[in-house]
Amino acid sequence: MLADELARFLQSEIVFGEIAPGARLTEEDISARYGLSRSPVREAFRLLAADGLVVLSARRGIRVTPVSRRDLAEVQGCRIELEGLAAFQAAEHAAAADVAELQAIVEKMAAALSAGDVRGYFSQNVAFTTRIHLATGNLTLMRLLDGIGKQALRYRYIAYQKLPELMRVSLPGSRRILAAIRAHDAPRAREITATLIRNSWAAIEPHIPADDCGPG
């Protein structure tokens, strides 16, 4: 297993809360768990730190980045602007194939909602935003979104886990974004996207600790 593959496994566990916010990670434990030498584990930790998912400290070792309202505000504040810009540019540049793929993803989101599959819905919702990013054709914007996006994934999953009714808001919102992209209505696509993120932020904030959550 390579370092980037290990980083993806650990990222998934962090996003889905299988490794708790603030939890301490050690090279010894991860090496033993995956049967790896220390070198790829050390590199995986470096990759996770670059994505904001773990914190490396000489004094406190390696731990999963805590969640807090301050961090939520920083992450979502950035997402409002960047995701709004992505929706705007996707509406400007999307081809028929982009719209068709987005439509297929929305249908999968609807199926997951009908089945009450929170994790499945979340995965398709992430696929929807990622596909919008691709439709922009803007590599610089995609790099910026990828960086902030990994930090945002934990909060996005917490939102659906704590408040599954948000899926019933998110799905029609995604349909409206898709309609705006199909119509090449860039201002409308940006407006809907920003509103959805802002509303989700307001809904989940009371469920996030005011201070860093996790063991010190």
N, C-alpha and C. Protein backbone atom coordinates (compact mmCIF):
# COMPACT_ATOMS: atom_id res chain seq x y z
N MET A 1 0.85 -1.20 0.00
CA MET A 1 0.00 0.00 0.00
C MET A 1 0.89 1.25 0.00
N LEU A 2 0.61 2.18 -0.89
CA LEU A 2 1.37 3.41 -0.98
C LEU A 2 0.82 4.45 -0.01
N ALA A 3 1.63 5.49 0.22
CA ALA A 3 1.24 6.53 1.18
C ALA A 3 -0.05 7.22 0.79
N ASP A 4 -0.24 7.51 -0.50
CA ASP A 4 -1.45 8.23 -0.91
C ASP A 4 -2.69 7.35 -0.75
N GLU A 5 -2.54 6.04 -0.95
CA GLU A 5 -3.66 5.12 -0.74
C GLU A 5 -4.01 5.05 0.75
N LEU A 6 -2.99 4.96 1.59
CA LEU A 6 -3.23 4.95 3.03
C LEU A 6 -3.88 6.25 3.47
N ALA A 7 -3.44 7.36 2.92
CA ALA A 7 -4.03 8.66 3.27
C ALA A 7 -5.51 8.68 2.92
N ARG A 8 -5.89 8.07 1.79
CA ARG A 8 -7.31 8.04 1.40
C ARG A 8 -8.13 7.19 2.39
N PHE A 9 -7.56 6.05 2.83
CA PHE A 9 -8.26 5.23 3.81
C PHE A 9 -8.48 6.01 5.11
N LEU A 10 -7.42 6.66 5.58
CA LEU A 10 -7.51 7.39 6.84
C LEU A 10 -8.44 8.60 6.69
N GLN A 11 -8.39 9.25 5.52
CA GLN A 11 -9.29 10.38 5.28
C GLN A 11 -10.74 9.94 5.40
N SER A 12 -11.07 8.79 4.81
CA SER A 12 -12.44 8.30 4.89
C SER A 12 -12.85 8.05 6.34
N GLU A 13 -11.97 7.46 7.13
CA GLU A 13 -12.29 7.17 8.52
C GLU A 13 -12.47 8.46 9.32
N ILE A 14 -11.68 9.47 8.99
CA ILE A 14 -11.80 10.76 9.68
C ILE A 14 -13.11 11.44 9.29
N VAL A 15 -13.41 11.47 8.00
CA VAL A 15 -14.63 12.14 7.52
C VAL A 15 -15.87 11.50 8.12
N PHE A 16 -15.91 10.17 8.18
CA PHE A 16 -17.10 9.48 8.67
C PHE A 16 -17.10 9.28 10.18
N GLY A 17 -16.13 9.90 10.85
CA GLY A 17 -16.12 9.87 12.30
C GLY A 17 -15.67 8.56 12.90
N GLU A 18 -15.12 7.66 12.08
CA GLU A 18 -14.62 6.40 12.60
C GLU A 18 -13.33 6.60 13.39
N ILE A 19 -12.62 7.66 13.07
CA ILE A 19 -11.53 8.16 13.91
C ILE A 19 -12.01 9.51 14.41
N ALA A 20 -12.15 9.66 15.71
CA ALA A 20 -12.81 10.83 16.29
C ALA A 20 -11.97 12.10 16.16
N PRO A 21 -12.63 13.26 16.09
CA PRO A 21 -11.90 14.53 16.14
C PRO A 21 -11.03 14.59 17.40
N GLY A 22 -9.81 15.02 17.24
CA GLY A 22 -8.90 15.13 18.37
C GLY A 22 -8.18 13.85 18.73
N ALA A 23 -8.54 12.73 18.08
CA ALA A 23 -7.90 11.45 18.41
C ALA A 23 -6.42 11.48 18.05
N ARG A 24 -5.62 10.85 18.89
CA ARG A 24 -4.18 10.79 18.65
C ARG A 24 -3.86 9.63 17.73
N LEU A 25 -3.00 9.87 16.76
CA LEU A 25 -2.54 8.84 15.83
C LEU A 25 -1.05 8.63 16.03
N THR A 26 -0.62 7.39 15.93
CA THR A 26 0.81 7.12 16.04
C THR A 26 1.27 6.29 14.86
N GLU A 27 2.52 6.47 14.50
CA GLU A 27 3.09 5.68 13.40
C GLU A 27 3.06 4.20 13.77
N GLU A 28 3.31 3.89 15.04
CA GLU A 28 3.35 2.49 15.48
C GLU A 28 1.99 1.81 15.26
N ASP A 29 0.93 2.47 15.70
CA ASP A 29 -0.41 1.88 15.59
C ASP A 29 -0.83 1.69 14.14
N ILE A 30 -0.63 2.74 13.33
CA ILE A 30 -1.06 2.65 11.93
C ILE A 30 -0.20 1.65 11.16
N SER A 31 1.10 1.61 11.46
CA SER A 31 1.98 0.63 10.80
C SER A 31 1.53 -0.79 11.11
N ALA A 32 1.20 -1.04 12.39
CA ALA A 32 0.77 -2.38 12.78
C ALA A 32 -0.58 -2.73 12.17
N ARG A 33 -1.47 -1.77 12.13
CA ARG A 33 -2.82 -2.01 11.62
C ARG A 33 -2.82 -2.38 10.15
N TYR A 34 -1.97 -1.72 9.36
CA TYR A 34 -1.97 -1.93 7.92
C TYR A 34 -0.78 -2.77 7.43
N GLY A 35 0.08 -3.18 8.38
CA GLY A 35 1.23 -4.00 7.99
C GLY A 35 2.22 -3.25 7.13
N LEU A 36 2.47 -2.00 7.48
CA LEU A 36 3.34 -1.14 6.68
C LEU A 36 4.57 -0.73 7.48
N SER A 37 5.60 -0.31 6.76
CA SER A 37 6.76 0.28 7.41
C SER A 37 6.42 1.71 7.83
N ARG A 38 7.27 2.32 8.60
CA ARG A 38 7.00 3.67 9.09
C ARG A 38 7.01 4.71 7.99
N SER A 39 7.78 4.49 6.93
CA SER A 39 7.96 5.52 5.91
C SER A 39 6.65 5.93 5.22
N PRO A 40 5.86 4.99 4.66
CA PRO A 40 4.61 5.41 4.02
C PRO A 40 3.60 5.98 5.02
N VAL A 41 3.64 5.51 6.27
CA VAL A 41 2.73 6.06 7.29
C VAL A 41 3.08 7.51 7.56
N ARG A 42 4.36 7.78 7.69
CA ARG A 42 4.81 9.15 7.93
C ARG A 42 4.40 10.07 6.77
N GLU A 43 4.54 9.57 5.53
CA GLU A 43 4.15 10.37 4.36
C GLU A 43 2.64 10.57 4.31
N ALA A 44 1.87 9.53 4.68
CA ALA A 44 0.42 9.66 4.71
C ALA A 44 0.00 10.73 5.72
N PHE A 45 0.63 10.76 6.87
CA PHE A 45 0.33 11.80 7.86
C PHE A 45 0.63 13.18 7.30
N ARG A 46 1.73 13.28 6.55
CA ARG A 46 2.08 14.58 5.95
C ARG A 46 1.01 15.02 4.96
N LEU A 47 0.50 14.08 4.16
CA LEU A 47 -0.54 14.41 3.19
C LEU A 47 -1.83 14.84 3.90
N LEU A 48 -2.19 14.14 4.96
CA LEU A 48 -3.39 14.50 5.72
C LEU A 48 -3.24 15.86 6.37
N ALA A 49 -2.03 16.16 6.84
CA ALA A 49 -1.79 17.47 7.45
C ALA A 49 -1.92 18.58 6.41
N ALA A 50 -1.43 18.32 5.19
CA ALA A 50 -1.53 19.31 4.12
C ALA A 50 -2.99 19.59 3.76
N ASP A 51 -3.86 18.60 3.96
CA ASP A 51 -5.29 18.77 3.68
C ASP A 51 -6.07 19.28 4.90
N GLY A 52 -5.36 19.54 5.99
CA GLY A 52 -6.01 20.08 7.17
C GLY A 52 -6.76 19.07 8.01
N LEU A 53 -6.52 17.77 7.79
CA LEU A 53 -7.27 16.74 8.50
C LEU A 53 -6.57 16.25 9.77
N VAL A 54 -5.26 16.43 9.84
CA VAL A 54 -4.53 16.13 11.07
C VAL A 54 -3.61 17.29 11.40
N VAL A 55 -3.24 17.36 12.66
CA VAL A 55 -2.32 18.39 13.13
C VAL A 55 -1.05 17.71 13.62
N LEU A 56 0.10 18.16 13.12
CA LEU A 56 1.38 17.63 13.55
C LEU A 56 2.01 18.58 14.55
N SER A 57 2.36 18.05 15.71
CA SER A 57 2.93 18.90 16.76
C SER A 57 4.05 18.15 17.45
N ALA A 58 5.20 18.83 17.60
CA ALA A 58 6.33 18.19 18.28
C ALA A 58 5.98 17.86 19.72
N ARG A 59 5.12 18.67 20.35
CA ARG A 59 4.78 18.48 21.76
C ARG A 59 3.66 17.48 21.95
N ARG A 60 2.64 17.53 21.08
CA ARG A 60 1.44 16.72 21.28
C ARG A 60 1.32 15.56 20.30
N GLY A 61 2.31 15.42 19.41
CA GLY A 61 2.26 14.33 18.46
C GLY A 61 1.28 14.61 17.33
N ILE A 62 0.71 13.57 16.76
CA ILE A 62 -0.19 13.67 15.62
C ILE A 62 -1.60 13.41 16.10
N ARG A 63 -2.50 14.31 15.79
CA ARG A 63 -3.89 14.10 16.17
C ARG A 63 -4.82 14.60 15.07
N VAL A 64 -5.99 14.02 15.05
CA VAL A 64 -7.00 14.45 14.09
C VAL A 64 -7.41 15.87 14.42
N THR A 65 -7.51 16.70 13.41
CA THR A 65 -7.91 18.09 13.62
C THR A 65 -9.26 18.14 14.33
N PRO A 66 -9.34 18.86 15.45
CA PRO A 66 -10.63 18.96 16.15
C PRO A 66 -11.67 19.70 15.31
N VAL A 67 -12.93 19.54 15.67
CA VAL A 67 -13.99 20.33 15.06
C VAL A 67 -14.41 21.40 16.05
N SER A 68 -14.76 22.55 15.53
CA SER A 68 -15.20 23.66 16.38
C SER A 68 -16.00 24.63 15.54
N ARG A 69 -16.76 25.47 16.20
CA ARG A 69 -17.55 26.47 15.46
C ARG A 69 -16.65 27.45 14.73
N ARG A 70 -15.52 27.76 15.32
CA ARG A 70 -14.59 28.68 14.64
C ARG A 70 -14.08 28.06 13.34
N ASP A 71 -13.69 26.78 13.41
CA ASP A 71 -13.21 26.10 12.21
C ASP A 71 -14.33 25.98 11.18
N LEU A 72 -15.54 25.65 11.64
CA LEU A 72 -16.69 25.58 10.75
C LEU A 72 -16.90 26.90 10.02
N ALA A 73 -16.82 28.00 10.76
CA ALA A 73 -17.03 29.32 10.15
C ALA A 73 -15.96 29.61 9.10
N GLU A 74 -14.72 29.25 9.40
CA GLU A 74 -13.64 29.51 8.45
C GLU A 74 -13.83 28.67 7.18
N VAL A 75 -14.15 27.39 7.38
CA VAL A 75 -14.31 26.49 6.24
C VAL A 75 -15.51 26.89 5.38
N GLN A 76 -16.66 27.09 6.04
CA GLN A 76 -17.87 27.40 5.28
C GLN A 76 -17.82 28.80 4.66
N GLY A 77 -17.18 29.73 5.34
CA GLY A 77 -17.02 31.07 4.77
C GLY A 77 -16.25 31.02 3.46
N CYS A 78 -15.20 30.18 3.43
CA CYS A 78 -14.45 30.01 2.18
C CYS A 78 -15.27 29.27 1.13
N ARG A 79 -16.01 28.26 1.57
CA ARG A 79 -16.79 27.47 0.62
C ARG A 79 -17.88 28.30 -0.07
N ILE A 80 -18.50 29.21 0.67
CA ILE A 80 -19.55 30.04 0.06
C ILE A 80 -19.00 30.74 -1.18
N GLU A 81 -17.82 31.33 -1.04
CA GLU A 81 -17.25 32.07 -2.16
C GLU A 81 -16.76 31.14 -3.27
N LEU A 82 -16.02 30.09 -2.89
CA LEU A 82 -15.42 29.23 -3.91
C LEU A 82 -16.45 28.35 -4.61
N GLU A 83 -17.37 27.75 -3.84
CA GLU A 83 -18.39 26.91 -4.47
C GLU A 83 -19.35 27.77 -5.30
N GLY A 84 -19.62 28.98 -4.84
CA GLY A 84 -20.45 29.89 -5.62
C GLY A 84 -19.80 30.23 -6.95
N LEU A 85 -18.50 30.49 -6.91
CA LEU A 85 -17.76 30.79 -8.14
C LEU A 85 -17.76 29.57 -9.06
N ALA A 86 -17.60 28.37 -8.49
CA ALA A 86 -17.60 27.15 -9.30
C ALA A 86 -18.95 26.97 -10.00
N ALA A 87 -20.04 27.18 -9.27
CA ALA A 87 -21.36 27.05 -9.88
C ALA A 87 -21.54 28.08 -10.99
N PHE A 88 -21.07 29.29 -10.75
CA PHE A 88 -21.15 30.37 -11.75
C PHE A 88 -20.41 29.95 -13.03
N GLN A 89 -19.17 29.50 -12.87
CA GLN A 89 -18.37 29.15 -14.04
C GLN A 89 -18.88 27.87 -14.72
N ALA A 90 -19.41 26.94 -13.92
CA ALA A 90 -19.99 25.74 -14.52
C ALA A 90 -21.17 26.11 -15.40
N ALA A 91 -22.00 27.03 -14.93
CA ALA A 91 -23.15 27.47 -15.73
C ALA A 91 -22.71 28.16 -17.01
N GLU A 92 -21.58 28.85 -16.94
CA GLU A 92 -21.06 29.51 -18.14
C GLU A 92 -20.53 28.51 -19.17
N HIS A 93 -19.89 27.43 -18.68
CA HIS A 93 -19.12 26.58 -19.59
C HIS A 93 -19.66 25.17 -19.77
N ALA A 94 -20.65 24.76 -18.99
CA ALA A 94 -21.09 23.36 -19.02
C ALA A 94 -21.58 22.94 -20.39
N ALA A 95 -21.11 21.77 -20.82
CA ALA A 95 -21.58 21.16 -22.08
C ALA A 95 -22.73 20.21 -21.76
N ALA A 96 -23.35 19.71 -22.80
CA ALA A 96 -24.48 18.79 -22.63
C ALA A 96 -24.07 17.56 -21.82
N ALA A 97 -22.84 17.08 -22.03
CA ALA A 97 -22.37 15.90 -21.30
C ALA A 97 -22.25 16.18 -19.80
N ASP A 98 -21.82 17.39 -19.45
CA ASP A 98 -21.73 17.78 -18.04
C ASP A 98 -23.12 17.76 -17.40
N VAL A 99 -24.07 18.34 -18.09
CA VAL A 99 -25.44 18.40 -17.57
C VAL A 99 -26.02 17.00 -17.41
N ALA A 100 -25.75 16.14 -18.37
CA ALA A 100 -26.26 14.77 -18.31
C ALA A 100 -25.68 14.02 -17.10
N GLU A 101 -24.39 14.21 -16.85
CA GLU A 101 -23.76 13.53 -15.71
C GLU A 101 -24.30 14.08 -14.39
N LEU A 102 -24.49 15.38 -14.32
CA LEU A 102 -25.06 15.97 -13.11
C LEU A 102 -26.49 15.46 -12.88
N GLN A 103 -27.25 15.33 -13.95
CA GLN A 103 -28.61 14.80 -13.83
C GLN A 103 -28.60 13.38 -13.29
N ALA A 104 -27.67 12.56 -13.77
CA ALA A 104 -27.58 11.17 -13.31
C ALA A 104 -27.23 11.11 -11.83
N ILE A 105 -26.36 12.01 -11.39
CA ILE A 105 -25.99 12.03 -9.97
C ILE A 105 -27.17 12.46 -9.12
N VAL A 106 -27.92 13.46 -9.56
CA VAL A 106 -29.09 13.91 -8.82
C VAL A 106 -30.09 12.77 -8.66
N GLU A 107 -30.25 11.96 -9.68
CA GLU A 107 -31.15 10.82 -9.59
C GLU A 107 -30.67 9.81 -8.55
N LYS A 108 -29.36 9.62 -8.46
CA LYS A 108 -28.81 8.73 -7.43
C LYS A 108 -29.00 9.33 -6.04
N MET A 109 -28.89 10.64 -5.93
CA MET A 109 -29.16 11.30 -4.65
C MET A 109 -30.60 11.05 -4.22
N ALA A 110 -31.52 11.18 -5.17
CA ALA A 110 -32.94 10.96 -4.88
C ALA A 110 -33.19 9.52 -4.43
N ALA A 111 -32.53 8.57 -5.06
CA ALA A 111 -32.69 7.16 -4.69
C ALA A 111 -32.17 6.91 -3.28
N ALA A 112 -31.03 7.51 -2.95
CA ALA A 112 -30.46 7.35 -1.62
C ALA A 112 -31.37 7.97 -0.57
N LEU A 113 -31.94 9.12 -0.88
CA LEU A 113 -32.87 9.78 0.05
C LEU A 113 -34.09 8.89 0.28
N SER A 114 -34.64 8.34 -0.78
CA SER A 114 -35.81 7.46 -0.66
C SER A 114 -35.51 6.24 0.20
N ALA A 115 -34.26 5.76 0.12
CA ALA A 115 -33.86 4.58 0.89
C ALA A 115 -33.43 4.92 2.31
N GLY A 116 -33.37 6.23 2.63
CA GLY A 116 -32.90 6.64 3.94
C GLY A 116 -31.43 6.36 4.16
N ASP A 117 -30.67 6.33 3.07
CA ASP A 117 -29.24 6.01 3.10
C ASP A 117 -28.43 7.30 3.22
N VAL A 118 -28.14 7.68 4.47
CA VAL A 118 -27.44 8.95 4.70
C VAL A 118 -26.06 8.94 4.08
N ARG A 119 -25.32 7.87 4.31
CA ARG A 119 -23.95 7.82 3.78
C ARG A 119 -23.95 7.79 2.26
N GLY A 120 -24.89 7.05 1.67
CA GLY A 120 -24.99 7.02 0.22
C GLY A 120 -25.37 8.36 -0.35
N TYR A 121 -26.30 9.04 0.32
CA TYR A 121 -26.70 10.38 -0.14
C TYR A 121 -25.52 11.33 -0.07
N PHE A 122 -24.80 11.27 1.04
CA PHE A 122 -23.63 12.14 1.22
C PHE A 122 -22.62 11.91 0.09
N SER A 123 -22.34 10.65 -0.22
CA SER A 123 -21.36 10.33 -1.27
C SER A 123 -21.79 10.89 -2.62
N GLN A 124 -23.07 10.78 -2.94
CA GLN A 124 -23.57 11.31 -4.21
C GLN A 124 -23.60 12.84 -4.21
N ASN A 125 -23.87 13.44 -3.06
CA ASN A 125 -23.83 14.90 -2.96
C ASN A 125 -22.42 15.43 -3.19
N VAL A 126 -21.44 14.71 -2.65
CA VAL A 126 -20.04 15.08 -2.89
C VAL A 126 -19.70 14.91 -4.38
N ALA A 127 -20.21 13.83 -4.98
CA ALA A 127 -19.98 13.62 -6.42
C ALA A 127 -20.59 14.75 -7.25
N PHE A 128 -21.74 15.24 -6.81
CA PHE A 128 -22.41 16.33 -7.53
C PHE A 128 -21.56 17.60 -7.52
N THR A 129 -21.05 17.98 -6.34
CA THR A 129 -20.23 19.19 -6.28
C THR A 129 -18.91 18.99 -7.03
N THR A 130 -18.34 17.79 -6.94
CA THR A 130 -17.09 17.53 -7.66
C THR A 130 -17.31 17.64 -9.17
N ARG A 131 -18.44 17.16 -9.64
CA ARG A 131 -18.74 17.24 -11.08
C ARG A 131 -18.93 18.68 -11.52
N ILE A 132 -19.51 19.50 -10.66
CA ILE A 132 -19.63 20.93 -10.96
C ILE A 132 -18.24 21.53 -11.10
N HIS A 133 -17.34 21.16 -10.19
CA HIS A 133 -15.97 21.68 -10.27
C HIS A 133 -15.34 21.33 -11.62
N LEU A 134 -15.51 20.09 -12.04
CA LEU A 134 -14.93 19.66 -13.32
C LEU A 134 -15.52 20.45 -14.49
N ALA A 135 -16.80 20.78 -14.39
CA ALA A 135 -17.47 21.49 -15.48
C ALA A 135 -16.94 22.91 -15.65
N THR A 136 -16.29 23.45 -14.62
CA THR A 136 -15.74 24.81 -14.75
C THR A 136 -14.58 24.85 -15.74
N GLY A 137 -13.82 23.74 -15.81
CA GLY A 137 -12.62 23.73 -16.62
C GLY A 137 -11.51 24.59 -16.05
N ASN A 138 -11.67 25.07 -14.80
CA ASN A 138 -10.73 25.99 -14.17
C ASN A 138 -9.85 25.20 -13.20
N LEU A 139 -8.63 24.87 -13.63
CA LEU A 139 -7.75 24.02 -12.83
C LEU A 139 -7.34 24.68 -11.52
N THR A 140 -7.11 25.98 -11.56
CA THR A 140 -6.72 26.68 -10.33
C THR A 140 -7.85 26.65 -9.32
N LEU A 141 -9.05 26.91 -9.76
CA LEU A 141 -10.22 26.86 -8.87
C LEU A 141 -10.41 25.45 -8.32
N MET A 142 -10.21 24.44 -9.15
CA MET A 142 -10.36 23.06 -8.69
C MET A 142 -9.34 22.72 -7.61
N ARG A 143 -8.12 23.22 -7.73
CA ARG A 143 -7.10 22.97 -6.70
C ARG A 143 -7.50 23.62 -5.39
N LEU A 144 -8.01 24.83 -5.46
CA LEU A 144 -8.44 25.54 -4.25
C LEU A 144 -9.62 24.81 -3.58
N LEU A 145 -10.56 24.38 -4.39
CA LEU A 145 -11.73 23.67 -3.87
C LEU A 145 -11.34 22.32 -3.27
N ASP A 146 -10.38 21.65 -3.88
CA ASP A 146 -9.94 20.36 -3.36
C ASP A 146 -9.33 20.54 -1.97
N GLY A 147 -8.57 21.60 -1.77
CA GLY A 147 -7.95 21.84 -0.48
C GLY A 147 -8.97 22.11 0.62
N ILE A 148 -9.87 23.06 0.38
CA ILE A 148 -10.87 23.39 1.38
C ILE A 148 -11.92 22.30 1.48
N GLY A 149 -12.14 21.59 0.37
CA GLY A 149 -13.19 20.58 0.33
C GLY A 149 -12.96 19.44 1.29
N LYS A 150 -11.71 19.01 1.45
CA LYS A 150 -11.43 17.89 2.34
C LYS A 150 -11.69 18.27 3.80
N GLN A 151 -11.39 19.51 4.15
CA GLN A 151 -11.72 19.97 5.50
C GLN A 151 -13.23 20.05 5.69
N ALA A 152 -13.94 20.43 4.62
CA ALA A 152 -15.39 20.61 4.71
C ALA A 152 -16.14 19.28 4.78
N LEU A 153 -15.55 18.21 4.28
CA LEU A 153 -16.26 16.94 4.21
C LEU A 153 -16.78 16.49 5.56
N ARG A 154 -15.98 16.68 6.61
CA ARG A 154 -16.42 16.23 7.94
C ARG A 154 -17.68 16.97 8.36
N TYR A 155 -17.70 18.28 8.15
CA TYR A 155 -18.87 19.07 8.54
C TYR A 155 -20.08 18.73 7.68
N ARG A 156 -19.84 18.46 6.40
CA ARG A 156 -20.96 18.09 5.52
C ARG A 156 -21.59 16.77 5.98
N TYR A 157 -20.74 15.81 6.37
CA TYR A 157 -21.29 14.53 6.83
C TYR A 157 -21.97 14.67 8.18
N ILE A 158 -21.37 15.44 9.08
CA ILE A 158 -22.01 15.68 10.38
C ILE A 158 -23.39 16.29 10.17
N ALA A 159 -23.50 17.21 9.22
CA ALA A 159 -24.79 17.87 8.97
C ALA A 159 -25.86 16.86 8.61
N TYR A 160 -25.56 15.93 7.68
CA TYR A 160 -26.55 14.94 7.27
C TYR A 160 -26.79 13.89 8.36
N GLN A 161 -25.74 13.59 9.12
CA GLN A 161 -25.88 12.59 10.18
C GLN A 161 -26.73 13.12 11.34
N LYS A 162 -26.45 14.35 11.74
CA LYS A 162 -27.18 14.95 12.87
C LYS A 162 -28.56 15.42 12.46
N LEU A 163 -28.67 15.92 11.22
CA LEU A 163 -29.91 16.51 10.75
C LEU A 163 -30.27 15.90 9.39
N PRO A 164 -30.71 14.64 9.37
CA PRO A 164 -31.00 14.00 8.08
C PRO A 164 -32.07 14.72 7.28
N GLU A 165 -32.88 15.56 7.95
CA GLU A 165 -33.89 16.32 7.21
C GLU A 165 -33.26 17.31 6.24
N LEU A 166 -31.97 17.61 6.44
CA LEU A 166 -31.28 18.51 5.51
C LEU A 166 -31.21 17.91 4.11
N MET A 167 -31.26 16.59 4.01
CA MET A 167 -31.25 15.96 2.69
C MET A 167 -32.46 16.39 1.89
N ARG A 168 -33.59 16.60 2.58
CA ARG A 168 -34.81 17.00 1.88
C ARG A 168 -34.76 18.46 1.43
N VAL A 169 -33.82 19.20 1.99
CA VAL A 169 -33.57 20.58 1.53
C VAL A 169 -32.51 20.58 0.44
N SER A 170 -31.51 19.75 0.66
CA SER A 170 -30.38 19.69 -0.27
C SER A 170 -30.78 19.19 -1.65
N LEU A 171 -31.65 18.17 -1.71
CA LEU A 171 -32.00 17.60 -3.01
C LEU A 171 -32.70 18.60 -3.92
N PRO A 172 -33.77 19.28 -3.49
CA PRO A 172 -34.37 20.27 -4.38
C PRO A 172 -33.41 21.43 -4.68
N GLY A 173 -32.54 21.75 -3.71
CA GLY A 173 -31.55 22.79 -3.98
C GLY A 173 -30.60 22.37 -5.09
N SER A 174 -30.18 21.10 -5.05
CA SER A 174 -29.30 20.59 -6.11
C SER A 174 -30.01 20.58 -7.45
N ARG A 175 -31.30 20.27 -7.43
CA ARG A 175 -32.07 20.31 -8.69
C ARG A 175 -32.12 21.73 -9.25
N ARG A 176 -32.25 22.72 -8.36
CA ARG A 176 -32.30 24.11 -8.83
C ARG A 176 -30.94 24.55 -9.38
N ILE A 177 -29.87 24.09 -8.73
CA ILE A 177 -28.54 24.40 -9.26
C ILE A 177 -28.38 23.80 -10.65
N LEU A 178 -28.79 22.55 -10.78
CA LEU A 178 -28.70 21.87 -12.08
C LEU A 178 -29.51 22.62 -13.14
N ALA A 179 -30.70 23.06 -12.78
CA ALA A 179 -31.53 23.79 -13.74
C ALA A 179 -30.86 25.08 -14.18
N ALA A 180 -30.21 25.76 -13.22
CA ALA A 180 -29.52 27.01 -13.55
C ALA A 180 -28.33 26.74 -14.46
N ILE A 181 -27.60 25.66 -14.19
CA ILE A 181 -26.46 25.30 -15.04
C ILE A 181 -26.94 24.93 -16.43
N ARG A 182 -28.02 24.16 -16.51
CA ARG A 182 -28.58 23.78 -17.81
C ARG A 182 -28.99 25.01 -18.61
N ALA A 183 -29.54 26.01 -17.91
CA ALA A 183 -29.99 27.24 -18.58
C ALA A 183 -28.86 28.24 -18.78
N HIS A 184 -27.66 27.90 -18.34
CA HIS A 184 -26.50 28.80 -18.40
C HIS A 184 -26.78 30.11 -17.67
N ASP A 185 -27.52 30.02 -16.58
CA ASP A 185 -27.83 31.18 -15.74
C ASP A 185 -26.82 31.22 -14.60
N ALA A 186 -25.66 31.79 -14.87
CA ALA A 186 -24.55 31.76 -13.93
C ALA A 186 -24.86 32.48 -12.60
N PRO A 187 -25.44 33.70 -12.62
CA PRO A 187 -25.75 34.36 -11.34
C PRO A 187 -26.71 33.54 -10.48
N ARG A 188 -27.70 32.91 -11.11
CA ARG A 188 -28.66 32.10 -10.36
C ARG A 188 -27.99 30.88 -9.76
N ALA A 189 -27.11 30.23 -10.50
CA ALA A 189 -26.40 29.05 -9.98
C ALA A 189 -25.56 29.42 -8.77
N ARG A 190 -24.87 30.56 -8.85
CA ARG A 190 -24.06 31.01 -7.71
C ARG A 190 -24.94 31.34 -6.51
N GLU A 191 -26.04 32.02 -6.73
CA GLU A 191 -26.93 32.43 -5.64
C GLU A 191 -27.49 31.21 -4.89
N ILE A 192 -27.97 30.23 -5.64
CA ILE A 192 -28.56 29.04 -5.01
C ILE A 192 -27.50 28.29 -4.22
N THR A 193 -26.31 28.13 -4.80
CA THR A 193 -25.22 27.42 -4.14
C THR A 193 -24.85 28.10 -2.83
N ALA A 194 -24.67 29.41 -2.86
CA ALA A 194 -24.29 30.15 -1.65
C ALA A 194 -25.37 30.04 -0.58
N THR A 195 -26.62 30.10 -0.99
CA THR A 195 -27.73 30.01 -0.03
C THR A 195 -27.77 28.64 0.63
N LEU A 196 -27.58 27.58 -0.14
CA LEU A 196 -27.59 26.23 0.42
C LEU A 196 -26.48 26.05 1.45
N ILE A 197 -25.29 26.52 1.14
CA ILE A 197 -24.17 26.39 2.08
C ILE A 197 -24.44 27.21 3.34
N ARG A 198 -24.92 28.42 3.14
CA ARG A 198 -25.20 29.30 4.28
C ARG A 198 -26.27 28.69 5.19
N ASN A 199 -27.32 28.13 4.62
CA ASN A 199 -28.39 27.53 5.42
C ASN A 199 -27.91 26.28 6.15
N SER A 200 -27.10 25.47 5.49
CA SER A 200 -26.55 24.28 6.13
C SER A 200 -25.65 24.67 7.30
N TRP A 201 -24.85 25.70 7.09
CA TRP A 201 -23.97 26.23 8.14
C TRP A 201 -24.79 26.64 9.36
N ALA A 202 -25.84 27.39 9.15
CA ALA A 202 -26.68 27.86 10.25
C ALA A 202 -27.34 26.69 10.98
N ALA A 203 -27.74 25.66 10.23
CA ALA A 203 -28.43 24.52 10.84
C ALA A 203 -27.50 23.67 11.69
N ILE A 204 -26.26 23.46 11.21
CA ILE A 204 -25.36 22.55 11.90
C ILE A 204 -24.58 23.23 13.03
N GLU A 205 -24.44 24.54 12.98
CA GLU A 205 -23.58 25.24 13.96
C GLU A 205 -23.93 24.90 15.41
N PRO A 206 -25.22 24.84 15.82
CA PRO A 206 -25.51 24.51 17.22
C PRO A 206 -25.07 23.11 17.63
N HIS A 207 -24.82 22.24 16.67
CA HIS A 207 -24.43 20.86 16.96
C HIS A 207 -22.90 20.70 17.01
N ILE A 208 -22.17 21.78 16.79
CA ILE A 208 -20.71 21.76 16.81
C ILE A 208 -20.23 22.43 18.09
N PRO A 209 -19.26 21.85 18.79
CA PRO A 209 -18.75 22.48 20.02
C PRO A 209 -18.19 23.87 19.75
N ALA A 210 -18.40 24.75 20.71
CA ALA A 210 -17.89 26.12 20.56
C ALA A 210 -16.36 26.13 20.54
N ASP A 211 -15.76 25.22 21.31
CA ASP A 211 -14.30 25.10 21.34
C ASP A 211 -13.89 23.80 20.70
N ASP A 212 -12.57 23.64 20.49
CA ASP A 212 -12.07 22.41 19.88
C ASP A 212 -12.61 21.19 20.59
N CYS A 213 -13.11 20.25 19.79
CA CYS A 213 -13.67 19.02 20.33
C CYS A 213 -12.66 17.90 20.18
N GLY A 214 -12.34 17.25 21.24
CA GLY A 214 -11.46 16.09 21.15
C GLY A 214 -10.46 16.08 22.26
N PRO A 215 -9.79 14.97 22.52
CA PRO A 215 -8.82 14.87 23.58
C PRO A 215 -7.63 15.73 23.32
N GLY A 216 -7.07 16.28 24.35
CA GLY A 216 -5.92 17.14 24.18
C GLY A 216 -4.63 16.37 24.08
